[in-house]
Amino acid sequence: MTVKYLIDEKGNKTAVQLSLEDYNALLESANILPQHVIDGIKKGQEEGKLGLTKSTDEVMKKYES
Protein backbone atom coordinates (compact mmCIF):
# COMPACT_ATOMS: atom_id res chain seq x y z
CA MET A 1 0.00 0.00 0.00
CA THR A 2 1.40 3.35 -1.02
CA VAL A 3 0.30 6.27 1.14
CA LYS A 4 0.99 9.94 0.49
CA TYR A 5 0.37 12.60 3.11
CA LEU A 6 -0.77 16.11 2.29
CA ILE A 7 0.68 18.70 4.61
CA ASP A 8 -0.17 22.30 5.38
CA GLU A 9 2.24 25.24 5.41
CA LYS A 10 3.32 24.36 8.97
CA GLY A 11 4.20 20.79 8.03
CA ASN A 12 1.17 19.23 9.73
CA LYS A 13 -0.37 16.20 8.04
CA THR A 14 -3.87 17.19 6.94
CA ALA A 15 -4.94 14.40 4.59
CA VAL A 16 -3.99 11.01 3.23
CA GLN A 17 -3.92 9.98 -0.40
CA LEU A 18 -4.00 6.35 -1.53
CA SER A 19 -5.01 4.46 -4.64
CA LEU A 20 -8.63 3.46 -5.20
CA GLU A 21 -7.54 -0.17 -5.12
CA ASP A 22 -5.98 0.28 -1.68
CA TYR A 23 -8.94 2.35 -0.48
CA ASN A 24 -11.44 -0.35 -1.52
CA ALA A 25 -9.33 -3.07 0.11
CA LEU A 26 -9.22 -1.01 3.31
CA LEU A 27 -13.00 -0.56 3.26
CA GLU A 28 -13.55 -4.28 2.77
CA SER A 29 -11.27 -5.20 5.65
CA ALA A 30 -12.93 -2.65 7.93
CA ASN A 31 -16.33 -4.23 7.30
CA ILE A 32 -15.27 -7.71 8.34
CA LEU A 33 -16.63 -8.33 11.83
CA PRO A 34 -16.90 -11.58 13.76
CA GLN A 35 -20.40 -13.04 13.78
CA HIS A 36 -20.83 -12.53 17.54
CA VAL A 37 -20.17 -8.80 17.09
CA ILE A 38 -22.70 -8.56 14.24
CA ASP A 39 -25.24 -10.45 16.38
CA GLY A 40 -24.62 -8.09 19.31
CA ILE A 41 -25.13 -5.03 17.14
CA LYS A 42 -28.40 -6.42 15.75
CA LYS A 43 -29.61 -7.30 19.25
CA GLY A 44 -28.83 -3.78 20.49
CA GLN A 45 -30.68 -2.25 17.54
CA GLU A 46 -33.73 -4.43 18.20
CA GLU A 47 -33.69 -3.60 21.92
CA GLY A 48 -33.47 0.08 21.09
CA LYS A 49 -36.50 -0.11 18.84
CA LEU A 50 -38.43 -1.83 21.63
CA GLY A 51 -37.38 0.75 24.22
CA LEU A 52 -35.44 -1.80 26.27
CA THR A 53 -32.26 0.26 26.56
CA LYS A 54 -30.96 2.17 29.59
CA SER A 55 -29.72 5.72 29.72
CA THR A 56 -26.01 6.41 30.15
CA ASP A 57 -26.72 7.83 33.62
CA GLU A 58 -28.45 4.61 34.63
CA VAL A 59 -25.56 2.48 33.45
CA MET A 60 -22.92 4.70 35.07
CA LYS A 61 -24.62 4.43 38.49
CA LYS A 62 -23.55 0.79 38.49
CA TYR A 63 -19.88 1.85 38.39
CA GLU A 64 -19.98 4.69 40.91
CA SER A 65 -18.31 3.93 44.21
C-alpha atoms as a PDB file:
ATOM      1  CA  MET A   1       0.000   0.000   0.000  1.00  0.00           C
ATOM      2  CA  THR A   2       1.399   3.352  -1.018  1.00  0.00           C
ATOM      3  CA  VAL A   3       0.301   6.265   1.142  1.00  0.00           C
ATOM      4  CA  LYS A   4       0.988   9.941   0.494  1.00  0.00           C
ATOM      5  CA  TYR A   5       0.374  12.603   3.110  1.00  0.00           C
ATOM      6  CA  LEU A   6      -0.774  16.109   2.287  1.00  0.00           C
ATOM      7  CA  ILE A   7       0.677  18.699   4.613  1.00  0.00           C
ATOM      8  CA  ASP A   8      -0.165  22.304   5.383  1.00  0.00           C
ATOM      9  CA  GLU A   9       2.241  25.236   5.409  1.00  0.00           C
ATOM     10  CA  LYS A  10       3.316  24.360   8.969  1.00  0.00           C
ATOM     11  CA  GLY A  11       4.203  20.788   8.028  1.00  0.00           C
ATOM     12  CA  ASN A  12       1.169  19.232   9.734  1.00  0.00           C
ATOM     13  CA  LYS A  13      -0.374  16.203   8.037  1.00  0.00           C
ATOM     14  CA  THR A  14      -3.870  17.194   6.942  1.00  0.00           C
ATOM     15  CA  ALA A  15      -4.941  14.403   4.588  1.00  0.00           C
ATOM     16  CA  VAL A  16      -3.988  11.006   3.228  1.00  0.00           C
ATOM     17  CA  GLN A  17      -3.919   9.981  -0.399  1.00  0.00           C
ATOM     18  CA  LEU A  18      -3.996   6.349  -1.528  1.00  0.00           C
ATOM     19  CA  SER A  19      -5.015   4.458  -4.638  1.00  0.00           C
ATOM     20  CA  LEU A  20      -8.629   3.465  -5.199  1.00  0.00           C
ATOM     21  CA  GLU A  21      -7.541  -0.174  -5.120  1.00  0.00           C
ATOM     22  CA  ASP A  22      -5.977   0.280  -1.677  1.00  0.00           C
ATOM     23  CA  TYR A  23      -8.938   2.345  -0.484  1.00  0.00           C
ATOM     24  CA  ASN A  24     -11.435  -0.348  -1.520  1.00  0.00           C
ATOM     25  CA  ALA A  25      -9.327  -3.066   0.114  1.00  0.00           C
ATOM     26  CA  LEU A  26      -9.219  -1.007   3.312  1.00  0.00           C
ATOM     27  CA  LEU A  27     -13.000  -0.560   3.261  1.00  0.00           C
ATOM     28  CA  GLU A  28     -13.553  -4.280   2.766  1.00  0.00           C
ATOM     29  CA  SER A  29     -11.267  -5.204   5.647  1.00  0.00           C
ATOM     30  CA  ALA A  30     -12.933  -2.652   7.926  1.00  0.00           C
ATOM     31  CA  ASN A  31     -16.334  -4.230   7.295  1.00  0.00           C
ATOM     32  CA  ILE A  32     -15.270  -7.706   8.343  1.00  0.00           C
ATOM     33  CA  LEU A  33     -16.635  -8.331  11.829  1.00  0.00           C
ATOM     34  CA  PRO A  34     -16.898 -11.579  13.760  1.00  0.00           C
ATOM     35  CA  GLN A  35     -20.402 -13.036  13.776  1.00  0.00           C
ATOM     36  CA  HIS A  36     -20.829 -12.529  17.539  1.00  0.00           C
ATOM     37  CA  VAL A  37     -20.172  -8.800  17.087  1.00  0.00           C
ATOM     38  CA  ILE A  38     -22.695  -8.557  14.238  1.00  0.00           C
ATOM     39  CA  ASP A  39     -25.237 -10.450  16.379  1.00  0.00           C
ATOM     40  CA  GLY A  40     -24.622  -8.093  19.308  1.00  0.00           C
ATOM     41  CA  ILE A  41     -25.132  -5.026  17.138  1.00  0.00           C
ATOM     42  CA  LYS A  42     -28.396  -6.418  15.751  1.00  0.00           C
ATOM     43  CA  LYS A  43     -29.614  -7.302  19.255  1.00  0.00           C
ATOM     44  CA  GLY A  44     -28.834  -3.780  20.487  1.00  0.00           C
ATOM     45  CA  GLN A  45     -30.682  -2.252  17.536  1.00  0.00           C
ATOM     46  CA  GLU A  46     -33.728  -4.431  18.202  1.00  0.00           C
ATOM     47  CA  GLU A  47     -33.693  -3.602  21.920  1.00  0.00           C
ATOM     48  CA  GLY A  48     -33.470   0.079  21.088  1.00  0.00           C
ATOM     49  CA  LYS A  49     -36.497  -0.109  18.841  1.00  0.00           C
ATOM     50  CA  LEU A  50     -38.429  -1.826  21.632  1.00  0.00           C
ATOM     51  CA  GLY A  51     -37.383   0.753  24.220  1.00  0.00           C
ATOM     52  CA  LEU A  52     -35.441  -1.800  26.271  1.00  0.00           C
ATOM     53  CA  THR A  53     -32.260   0.262  26.563  1.00  0.00           C
ATOM     54  CA  LYS A  54     -30.958   2.166  29.586  1.00  0.00           C
ATOM     55  CA  SER A  55     -29.717   5.722  29.719  1.00  0.00           C
ATOM     56  CA  THR A  56     -26.014   6.407  30.149  1.00  0.00           C
ATOM     57  CA  ASP A  57     -26.721   7.831  33.617  1.00  0.00           C
ATOM     58  CA  GLU A  58     -28.454   4.607  34.629  1.00  0.00           C
ATOM     59  CA  VAL A  59     -25.557   2.477  33.446  1.00  0.00           C
ATOM     60  CA  MET A  60     -22.920   4.701  35.072  1.00  0.00           C
ATOM     61  CA  LYS A  61     -24.619   4.432  38.487  1.00  0.00           C
ATOM     62  CA  LYS A  62     -23.555   0.788  38.490  1.00  0.00           C
ATOM     63  CA  TYR A  63     -19.885   1.852  38.387  1.00  0.00           C
ATOM     64  CA  GLU A  64     -19.983   4.687  40.913  1.00  0.00           C
ATOM     65  CA  SER A  65     -18.313   3.934  44.214  1.00  0.00           C
END
